[in-house]
């Protein structure tokens, strides 16, 4: 997966992007590392709600990890975000419990979002297009 930062919305703040051939995840260093987009690249469909997901409070520092993920650090917490290679699957692990889950497994157009909260500190999100 590719990991990089760019100011996507022209607000002077960098957004952080993880992408592979199937999916792109866009995260902010603002709002405690808010997750802004999870896009199925074939159709360009963002499966997240307009206000994103996993928002916290305050700004976070962000750095690339040696395995191609992103590490967000805020006041008293650390969050690791990784996009799998070749599949549209994002893992989020945090040193403290993640915010309450706002996302649900379900279909948006022809794309299915799968949400698995493995523990209070770890969640797995994947998107796919089921065979017709």
N, C-alpha and C. Protein backbone atom coordinates (compact mmCIF):
# COMPACT_ATOMS: atom_id res chain seq x y z
N UNK A 1 0.83 -1.21 0.00
CA UNK A 1 0.00 0.00 0.00
C UNK A 1 0.86 1.26 0.00
N UNK A 2 0.31 2.31 -0.55
CA UNK A 2 0.96 3.61 -0.60
C UNK A 2 0.48 4.44 0.58
N UNK A 3 1.37 5.22 1.19
CA UNK A 3 0.99 6.12 2.28
C UNK A 3 1.63 7.48 2.01
N UNK A 4 0.81 8.55 2.04
CA UNK A 4 1.34 9.88 1.77
C UNK A 4 0.39 10.92 2.35
N UNK A 5 0.84 12.19 2.34
CA UNK A 5 0.00 13.28 2.85
C UNK A 5 -0.10 14.37 1.79
N UNK A 6 -1.26 15.02 1.76
CA UNK A 6 -1.52 16.12 0.83
C UNK A 6 -2.70 16.92 1.38
N UNK A 7 -2.73 18.21 1.09
CA UNK A 7 -3.86 19.05 1.50
C UNK A 7 -4.96 18.92 0.45
N UNK A 8 -5.88 18.00 0.66
CA UNK A 8 -6.92 17.70 -0.33
C UNK A 8 -7.97 18.79 -0.46
N UNK A 9 -8.32 19.42 0.66
CA UNK A 9 -9.44 20.37 0.63
C UNK A 9 -9.00 21.84 0.70
N UNK A 10 -7.70 22.09 0.62
CA UNK A 10 -7.21 23.47 0.56
C UNK A 10 -7.37 24.26 1.84
N UNK A 11 -7.47 23.57 2.99
CA UNK A 11 -7.66 24.29 4.26
C UNK A 11 -6.35 24.54 5.00
N UNK A 12 -5.22 24.18 4.39
CA UNK A 12 -3.93 24.39 5.03
C UNK A 12 -3.50 23.25 5.93
N UNK A 13 -4.35 22.26 6.13
CA UNK A 13 -4.02 21.09 6.95
C UNK A 13 -3.84 19.88 6.03
N UNK A 14 -2.82 19.09 6.31
CA UNK A 14 -2.58 17.90 5.50
C UNK A 14 -3.57 16.80 5.84
N UNK A 15 -4.05 16.11 4.82
CA UNK A 15 -4.79 14.87 5.01
C UNK A 15 -3.80 13.74 4.74
N UNK A 16 -4.04 12.60 5.37
CA UNK A 16 -3.15 11.44 5.22
C UNK A 16 -3.90 10.36 4.46
N UNK A 17 -3.23 9.78 3.48
CA UNK A 17 -3.88 8.83 2.58
C UNK A 17 -3.15 7.50 2.60
N UNK A 18 -3.94 6.43 2.69
CA UNK A 18 -3.45 5.07 2.50
C UNK A 18 -4.20 4.53 1.29
N UNK A 19 -3.47 3.96 0.32
CA UNK A 19 -4.20 3.41 -0.82
C UNK A 19 -3.48 2.22 -1.42
N UNK A 20 -4.28 1.35 -2.02
CA UNK A 20 -3.78 0.21 -2.77
C UNK A 20 -4.62 0.17 -4.06
N UNK A 21 -4.43 -0.83 -4.92
CA UNK A 21 -5.19 -0.83 -6.18
C UNK A 21 -6.71 -0.87 -6.01
N UNK A 22 -7.23 -1.33 -4.86
CA UNK A 22 -8.67 -1.47 -4.67
C UNK A 22 -9.33 -0.35 -3.87
N UNK A 23 -8.60 0.23 -2.91
CA UNK A 23 -9.25 1.17 -1.99
C UNK A 23 -8.32 2.31 -1.61
N UNK A 24 -8.96 3.40 -1.14
CA UNK A 24 -8.23 4.56 -0.62
C UNK A 24 -8.90 4.99 0.68
N UNK A 25 -8.09 5.19 1.70
CA UNK A 25 -8.57 5.72 2.98
C UNK A 25 -7.93 7.09 3.19
N UNK A 26 -8.75 8.07 3.58
CA UNK A 26 -8.26 9.43 3.83
C UNK A 26 -8.55 9.74 5.30
N UNK A 27 -7.50 10.19 6.01
CA UNK A 27 -7.61 10.49 7.43
C UNK A 27 -7.08 11.89 7.69
N UNK A 28 -7.59 12.51 8.75
CA UNK A 28 -7.20 13.87 9.11
C UNK A 28 -6.36 13.83 10.38
N UNK A 29 -5.43 14.77 10.50
CA UNK A 29 -4.71 14.91 11.76
C UNK A 29 -5.53 15.74 12.75
N UNK A 30 -6.62 16.33 12.28
CA UNK A 30 -7.53 17.10 13.14
C UNK A 30 -8.60 16.19 13.72
N UNK A 31 -9.34 16.68 14.70
CA UNK A 31 -10.45 15.92 15.31
C UNK A 31 -9.99 14.54 15.77
N UNK A 32 -8.80 14.49 16.36
CA UNK A 32 -8.31 13.23 16.91
C UNK A 32 -8.10 12.15 15.87
N UNK A 33 -7.75 12.54 14.67
CA UNK A 33 -7.49 11.55 13.62
C UNK A 33 -8.73 11.06 12.92
N UNK A 34 -9.68 11.96 12.70
CA UNK A 34 -10.95 11.58 12.05
C UNK A 34 -10.68 10.87 10.72
N UNK A 35 -11.44 9.79 10.48
CA UNK A 35 -11.37 9.05 9.23
C UNK A 35 -12.38 9.68 8.29
N UNK A 36 -11.92 10.27 7.18
CA UNK A 36 -12.78 11.06 6.30
C UNK A 36 -13.40 10.27 5.16
N UNK A 37 -12.64 9.35 4.55
CA UNK A 37 -13.13 8.62 3.38
C UNK A 37 -12.61 7.19 3.38
N UNK A 38 -13.44 6.28 2.88
CA UNK A 38 -13.04 4.92 2.56
C UNK A 38 -13.65 4.64 1.19
N UNK A 39 -12.82 4.71 0.15
CA UNK A 39 -13.30 4.73 -1.23
C UNK A 39 -12.98 3.43 -1.95
N UNK A 40 -14.00 2.85 -2.59
CA UNK A 40 -13.82 1.72 -3.50
C UNK A 40 -13.38 2.34 -4.83
N UNK A 41 -12.13 2.08 -5.24
CA UNK A 41 -11.55 2.82 -6.36
C UNK A 41 -12.20 2.54 -7.71
N UNK A 42 -12.74 1.35 -7.93
CA UNK A 42 -13.37 1.05 -9.23
C UNK A 42 -14.51 2.01 -9.54
N UNK A 43 -15.28 2.38 -8.51
CA UNK A 43 -16.45 3.24 -8.73
C UNK A 43 -16.28 4.64 -8.15
N UNK A 44 -15.27 4.84 -7.29
CA UNK A 44 -15.10 6.12 -6.63
C UNK A 44 -16.07 6.35 -5.49
N UNK A 45 -16.77 5.28 -5.05
CA UNK A 45 -17.78 5.42 -4.00
C UNK A 45 -17.14 5.47 -2.61
N UNK A 46 -17.44 6.53 -1.85
CA UNK A 46 -17.01 6.64 -0.46
C UNK A 46 -18.10 6.02 0.41
N UNK A 47 -17.76 4.99 1.18
CA UNK A 47 -18.77 4.30 1.99
C UNK A 47 -18.95 4.92 3.37
N UNK A 48 -18.16 5.92 3.72
CA UNK A 48 -18.31 6.55 5.03
C UNK A 48 -19.37 7.64 4.98
N UNK A 49 -20.00 7.93 6.14
CA UNK A 49 -20.95 9.05 6.18
C UNK A 49 -20.22 10.38 5.95
N UNK A 50 -20.99 11.42 5.68
CA UNK A 50 -20.42 12.73 5.35
C UNK A 50 -19.49 13.25 6.44
N UNK A 51 -19.80 12.97 7.71
CA UNK A 51 -18.98 13.48 8.81
C UNK A 51 -17.84 12.52 9.18
N UNK A 52 -17.64 11.45 8.40
CA UNK A 52 -16.53 10.55 8.65
C UNK A 52 -16.79 9.60 9.80
N UNK A 53 -15.71 9.12 10.40
CA UNK A 53 -15.80 8.14 11.48
C UNK A 53 -14.58 8.24 12.38
N UNK A 54 -14.71 7.67 13.56
CA UNK A 54 -13.61 7.56 14.53
C UNK A 54 -13.02 8.90 14.94
N UNK A 55 -13.86 9.92 15.03
CA UNK A 55 -13.39 11.25 15.43
C UNK A 55 -13.12 11.27 16.93
N UNK A 56 -12.10 12.03 17.28
CA UNK A 56 -11.78 12.28 18.68
C UNK A 56 -11.71 13.78 18.88
N UNK A 57 -10.87 14.20 19.80
CA UNK A 57 -10.72 15.63 20.04
C UNK A 57 -9.26 16.03 19.88
N UNK A 58 -9.06 17.25 19.43
CA UNK A 58 -7.72 17.80 19.32
C UNK A 58 -6.98 17.33 18.09
N UNK A 59 -5.83 17.94 17.89
CA UNK A 59 -4.98 17.58 16.76
C UNK A 59 -4.11 16.39 17.15
N UNK A 60 -3.72 15.63 16.15
CA UNK A 60 -2.85 14.48 16.36
C UNK A 60 -1.60 14.66 15.51
N UNK A 61 -0.48 14.18 16.02
CA UNK A 61 0.71 14.12 15.16
C UNK A 61 0.64 12.81 14.40
N UNK A 62 1.13 12.81 13.17
CA UNK A 62 1.03 11.63 12.31
C UNK A 62 2.40 11.32 11.75
N UNK A 63 2.73 10.03 11.73
CA UNK A 63 3.95 9.62 11.04
C UNK A 63 3.72 8.29 10.35
N UNK A 64 4.52 8.06 9.31
CA UNK A 64 4.46 6.80 8.60
C UNK A 64 5.16 5.73 9.43
N UNK A 65 4.62 4.52 9.43
CA UNK A 65 5.25 3.41 10.14
C UNK A 65 6.12 2.63 9.15
N UNK A 66 7.02 1.82 9.69
CA UNK A 66 7.94 1.07 8.83
C UNK A 66 7.22 0.07 7.93
N UNK A 67 5.99 -0.33 8.32
CA UNK A 67 5.24 -1.30 7.51
C UNK A 67 4.23 -0.64 6.58
N UNK A 68 4.35 0.68 6.38
CA UNK A 68 3.49 1.37 5.43
C UNK A 68 2.16 1.83 5.98
N UNK A 69 2.01 1.82 7.29
CA UNK A 69 0.79 2.32 7.92
C UNK A 69 0.99 3.74 8.42
N UNK A 70 0.01 4.21 9.17
CA UNK A 70 0.07 5.54 9.77
C UNK A 70 -0.08 5.41 11.28
N UNK A 71 0.72 6.19 12.00
CA UNK A 71 0.59 6.24 13.46
C UNK A 71 0.16 7.65 13.84
N UNK A 72 -1.00 7.74 14.50
CA UNK A 72 -1.53 9.00 15.01
C UNK A 72 -1.27 9.03 16.51
N UNK A 73 -0.77 10.17 17.02
CA UNK A 73 -0.56 10.32 18.46
C UNK A 73 -1.27 11.58 18.94
N UNK A 74 -2.08 11.39 19.98
CA UNK A 74 -2.76 12.52 20.58
C UNK A 74 -2.40 12.58 22.05
N UNK A 75 -3.12 13.36 22.81
CA UNK A 75 -2.87 13.52 24.23
C UNK A 75 -3.28 12.24 24.97
N UNK A 76 -2.32 11.37 25.28
CA UNK A 76 -2.61 10.16 26.04
C UNK A 76 -3.07 8.97 25.22
N UNK A 77 -2.96 9.03 23.90
CA UNK A 77 -3.37 7.89 23.08
C UNK A 77 -2.52 7.79 21.82
N UNK A 78 -2.52 6.59 21.25
CA UNK A 78 -1.80 6.30 20.02
C UNK A 78 -2.69 5.40 19.17
N UNK A 79 -2.81 5.69 17.88
CA UNK A 79 -3.65 4.90 16.97
C UNK A 79 -2.83 4.47 15.76
N UNK A 80 -2.86 3.19 15.44
CA UNK A 80 -2.21 2.66 14.24
C UNK A 80 -3.28 2.32 13.21
N UNK A 81 -3.08 2.76 11.98
CA UNK A 81 -4.03 2.51 10.89
C UNK A 81 -3.25 1.85 9.76
N UNK A 82 -3.73 0.68 9.32
CA UNK A 82 -3.06 -0.04 8.24
C UNK A 82 -4.07 -0.47 7.18
N UNK A 83 -3.69 -0.33 5.92
CA UNK A 83 -4.48 -0.83 4.80
C UNK A 83 -3.77 -2.07 4.28
N UNK A 84 -4.51 -3.17 4.17
CA UNK A 84 -3.92 -4.41 3.66
C UNK A 84 -3.49 -4.23 2.21
N UNK A 85 -2.58 -5.07 1.76
CA UNK A 85 -2.17 -4.96 0.36
C UNK A 85 -3.07 -5.85 -0.49
N UNK A 86 -3.57 -5.29 -1.58
CA UNK A 86 -4.35 -6.07 -2.53
C UNK A 86 -5.83 -6.24 -2.22
N UNK A 87 -6.25 -5.99 -0.99
CA UNK A 87 -7.67 -6.08 -0.64
C UNK A 87 -8.08 -4.78 0.05
N UNK A 88 -9.37 -4.48 0.02
CA UNK A 88 -9.89 -3.24 0.61
C UNK A 88 -10.22 -3.50 2.07
N UNK A 89 -9.17 -3.61 2.89
CA UNK A 89 -9.34 -3.94 4.30
C UNK A 89 -8.45 -3.04 5.15
N UNK A 90 -9.07 -2.30 6.07
CA UNK A 90 -8.37 -1.34 6.92
C UNK A 90 -8.47 -1.79 8.37
N UNK A 91 -7.33 -1.82 9.07
CA UNK A 91 -7.28 -2.18 10.48
C UNK A 91 -6.93 -0.94 11.29
N UNK A 92 -7.68 -0.71 12.37
CA UNK A 92 -7.43 0.42 13.26
C UNK A 92 -7.23 -0.13 14.66
N UNK A 93 -6.05 0.15 15.25
CA UNK A 93 -5.76 -0.27 16.62
C UNK A 93 -5.38 0.96 17.41
N UNK A 94 -5.90 1.06 18.64
CA UNK A 94 -5.63 2.23 19.46
C UNK A 94 -5.21 1.79 20.86
N UNK A 95 -4.37 2.60 21.51
CA UNK A 95 -3.88 2.27 22.86
C UNK A 95 -4.96 2.43 23.92
N UNK A 96 -6.00 3.18 23.60
CA UNK A 96 -7.16 3.34 24.49
C UNK A 96 -8.39 2.90 23.69
N UNK A 97 -9.54 2.66 24.33
CA UNK A 97 -10.71 2.24 23.55
C UNK A 97 -11.05 3.23 22.44
N UNK A 98 -11.40 2.69 21.29
CA UNK A 98 -11.82 3.51 20.15
C UNK A 98 -13.15 4.19 20.46
N UNK A 99 -13.48 5.27 19.74
CA UNK A 99 -14.80 5.89 19.93
C UNK A 99 -15.90 4.86 19.66
N UNK A 100 -17.10 5.06 20.21
CA UNK A 100 -18.20 4.13 19.95
C UNK A 100 -18.39 3.93 18.45
N UNK A 101 -18.68 2.70 18.05
CA UNK A 101 -18.80 2.38 16.62
C UNK A 101 -20.04 3.02 16.02
N UNK A 102 -19.83 3.88 15.02
CA UNK A 102 -20.95 4.53 14.33
C UNK A 102 -21.23 3.83 13.00
N UNK A 103 -20.26 3.05 12.52
CA UNK A 103 -20.43 2.38 11.24
C UNK A 103 -21.07 1.02 11.44
N UNK A 104 -21.83 0.58 10.47
CA UNK A 104 -22.50 -0.72 10.51
C UNK A 104 -22.23 -1.47 9.22
N UNK A 105 -22.16 -2.79 9.32
CA UNK A 105 -22.06 -3.60 8.12
C UNK A 105 -23.30 -3.35 7.28
N UNK A 106 -23.12 -3.11 5.99
CA UNK A 106 -24.27 -2.86 5.13
C UNK A 106 -23.84 -2.52 3.72
N UNK A 107 -24.82 -2.39 2.85
CA UNK A 107 -24.58 -2.16 1.43
C UNK A 107 -24.87 -0.70 1.08
N UNK A 108 -24.00 -0.11 0.27
CA UNK A 108 -24.20 1.24 -0.26
C UNK A 108 -24.00 1.12 -1.77
N UNK A 109 -25.06 1.37 -2.53
CA UNK A 109 -25.07 1.08 -3.97
C UNK A 109 -24.71 -0.39 -4.14
N UNK A 110 -23.66 -0.72 -4.89
CA UNK A 110 -23.32 -2.14 -5.06
C UNK A 110 -22.09 -2.55 -4.24
N UNK A 111 -21.70 -1.73 -3.28
CA UNK A 111 -20.52 -2.00 -2.46
C UNK A 111 -20.97 -2.36 -1.04
N UNK A 112 -20.35 -3.39 -0.47
CA UNK A 112 -20.68 -3.82 0.90
C UNK A 112 -19.54 -3.43 1.84
N UNK A 113 -19.89 -2.74 2.92
CA UNK A 113 -18.95 -2.41 3.99
C UNK A 113 -19.13 -3.44 5.10
N UNK A 114 -18.03 -4.06 5.51
CA UNK A 114 -18.05 -5.01 6.63
C UNK A 114 -17.34 -4.35 7.81
N UNK A 115 -17.98 -4.36 8.98
CA UNK A 115 -17.44 -3.75 10.19
C UNK A 115 -17.28 -4.83 11.25
N UNK A 116 -16.06 -5.01 11.76
CA UNK A 116 -15.80 -5.99 12.81
C UNK A 116 -15.04 -5.31 13.94
N UNK A 117 -15.67 -5.18 15.10
CA UNK A 117 -14.99 -4.62 16.27
C UNK A 117 -14.40 -5.81 17.03
N UNK A 118 -13.10 -6.06 16.83
CA UNK A 118 -12.46 -7.24 17.42
C UNK A 118 -12.26 -7.10 18.93
N UNK A 119 -12.09 -5.87 19.40
CA UNK A 119 -11.97 -5.57 20.83
C UNK A 119 -12.27 -4.08 20.98
N UNK A 120 -12.37 -3.56 22.21
CA UNK A 120 -12.62 -2.12 22.35
C UNK A 120 -11.53 -1.26 21.70
N UNK A 121 -10.33 -1.83 21.55
CA UNK A 121 -9.20 -1.07 21.00
C UNK A 121 -8.88 -1.40 19.54
N UNK A 122 -9.59 -2.37 18.94
CA UNK A 122 -9.23 -2.79 17.58
C UNK A 122 -10.47 -3.02 16.73
N UNK A 123 -10.44 -2.47 15.49
CA UNK A 123 -11.54 -2.64 14.56
C UNK A 123 -11.00 -2.94 13.17
N UNK A 124 -11.78 -3.72 12.43
CA UNK A 124 -11.43 -4.08 11.06
C UNK A 124 -12.58 -3.65 10.15
N UNK A 125 -12.25 -2.95 9.07
CA UNK A 125 -13.24 -2.46 8.11
C UNK A 125 -12.83 -2.95 6.73
N UNK A 126 -13.76 -3.54 5.99
CA UNK A 126 -13.43 -3.96 4.63
C UNK A 126 -14.60 -3.64 3.71
N UNK A 127 -14.27 -3.40 2.45
CA UNK A 127 -15.30 -3.16 1.44
C UNK A 127 -15.06 -4.10 0.27
N UNK A 128 -16.14 -4.54 -0.34
CA UNK A 128 -16.03 -5.35 -1.54
C UNK A 128 -17.29 -5.22 -2.38
N UNK A 129 -17.17 -5.69 -3.59
CA UNK A 129 -18.32 -5.72 -4.49
C UNK A 129 -18.65 -7.19 -4.70
N UNK A 130 -19.77 -7.67 -4.14
CA UNK A 130 -20.13 -9.08 -4.29
C UNK A 130 -20.36 -9.42 -5.76
N UNK A 131 -20.04 -10.64 -6.12
CA UNK A 131 -20.29 -11.09 -7.50
C UNK A 131 -21.78 -11.08 -7.76
N UNK A 132 -22.15 -10.66 -8.93
CA UNK A 132 -23.58 -10.59 -9.29
C UNK A 132 -24.15 -11.99 -9.46
